[in-house]
C-alpha atoms as a PDB file:
ATOM      1  CA  MET A   1      11.675   7.802  -0.395  1.00  0.00           C
ATOM      2  CA  ARG A   2      15.201   9.141  -0.311  1.00  0.00           C
ATOM      3  CA  GLY A   3      15.856  12.847   0.024  1.00  0.00           C
ATOM      4  CA  VAL A   4      15.413  15.864   2.179  1.00  0.00           C
ATOM      5  CA  ILE A   5      12.004  17.447   2.294  1.00  0.00           C
ATOM      6  CA  ASN A   6      12.464  20.799   3.983  1.00  0.00           C
ATOM      7  CA  GLY A   7       8.830  21.586   4.299  1.00  0.00           C
ATOM      8  CA  LEU A   8       5.349  20.224   4.044  1.00  0.00           C
ATOM      9  CA  LEU A   9       2.711  22.791   4.779  1.00  0.00           C
ATOM     10  CA  ILE A  10      -0.971  22.069   4.462  1.00  0.00           C
ATOM     11  CA  SER A  11      -3.131  25.127   4.900  1.00  0.00           C
ATOM     12  CA  ALA A  12      -6.695  25.557   3.700  1.00  0.00           C
ATOM     13  CA  PHE A  13      -6.396  22.239   1.845  1.00  0.00           C
ATOM     14  CA  THR A  14      -3.299  23.407  -0.098  1.00  0.00           C
ATOM     15  CA  GLY A  15      -0.021  21.515   0.322  1.00  0.00           C
ATOM     16  CA  ALA A  16       3.391  23.027  -0.368  1.00  0.00           C
ATOM     17  CA  LEU A  17       6.427  20.752  -0.761  1.00  0.00           C
ATOM     18  CA  THR A  18       9.992  22.128  -0.686  1.00  0.00           C
ATOM     19  CA  GLY A  19      13.407  20.491  -0.535  1.00  0.00           C
ATOM     20  CA  ALA A  20      15.279  17.888  -2.572  1.00  0.00           C
ATOM     21  CA  VAL A  21      14.667  14.236  -3.385  1.00  0.00           C
ATOM     22  CA  ALA A  22      16.724  11.597  -5.169  1.00  0.00           C
ATOM     23  CA  THR A  23      14.377  10.652  -8.024  1.00  0.00           C
ATOM     24  CA  TRP A  24      11.377  11.824 -10.012  1.00  0.00           C
ATOM     25  CA  LEU A  25       9.435   8.919  -8.522  1.00  0.00           C
ATOM     26  CA  ASP A  26      10.185  10.231  -5.006  1.00  0.00           C
ATOM     27  CA  ARG A  27       8.959  13.677  -6.061  1.00  0.00           C
ATOM     28  CA  GLU A  28       5.688  12.279  -7.399  1.00  0.00           C
ATOM     29  CA  GLN A  29       5.214  10.036  -4.348  1.00  0.00           C
ATOM     30  CA  ALA A  30       5.576  13.025  -2.043  1.00  0.00           C
ATOM     31  CA  ALA A  31       2.790  14.807  -3.929  1.00  0.00           C
ATOM     32  CA  ARG A  32       0.564  11.711  -3.734  1.00  0.00           C
ATOM     33  CA  ASP A  33       1.247  11.531   0.003  1.00  0.00           C
ATOM     34  CA  ALA A  34       0.214  15.170   0.433  1.00  0.00           C
ATOM     35  CA  TYR A  35      -3.063  14.471  -1.373  1.00  0.00           C
ATOM     36  CA  ALA A  36      -3.597  11.412   0.818  1.00  0.00           C
ATOM     37  CA  ALA A  37      -3.068  13.626   3.882  1.00  0.00           C
ATOM     38  CA  GLY A  38      -5.983  15.813   2.804  1.00  0.00           C
ATOM     39  CA  ALA A  39      -4.577  18.422   0.444  1.00  0.00           C
ATOM     40  CA  ARG A  40      -6.813  19.378  -2.472  1.00  0.00           C
ATOM     41  CA  HIS A  41      -4.023  21.228  -4.302  1.00  0.00           C
ATOM     42  CA  VAL A  42      -0.274  20.619  -4.020  1.00  0.00           C
ATOM     43  CA  ASP A  43       2.485  23.079  -4.936  1.00  0.00           C
ATOM     44  CA  ASN A  44       5.294  20.607  -5.572  1.00  0.00           C
ATOM     45  CA  ASP A  45       8.519  22.619  -5.502  1.00  0.00           C
ATOM     46  CA  LEU A  46      10.698  19.592  -4.720  1.00  0.00           C
ATOM     47  CA  VAL A  47      13.959  19.500  -6.671  1.00  0.00           C
ATOM     48  CA  VAL A  48      15.335  16.238  -8.028  1.00  0.00           C
ATOM     49  CA  SER A  49      19.023  16.110  -7.163  1.00  0.00           C
ATOM     50  CA  THR A  50      21.239  14.740  -9.900  1.00  0.00           C
ATOM     51  CA  ALA A  51      24.305  14.904  -7.677  1.00  0.00           C
ATOM     52  CA  GLY A  52      25.649  11.829  -5.913  1.00  0.00           C
ATOM     53  CA  GLY A  53      24.795  13.265  -2.506  1.00  0.00           C
ATOM     54  CA  LEU A  54      21.841  15.369  -1.544  1.00  0.00           C
END
């Protein structure tokens, strides 16, 4: 996964993702990873960067 994830917070089985990633696939993979880590709900606020550099 390419990008900058500023935060991953899992509290009371809720995950919150913030930051920027390079592709939509990276964004979805981050959410799947949060679920795999034990989250039951994920607030995926990751932004897909369309710029050349994150």
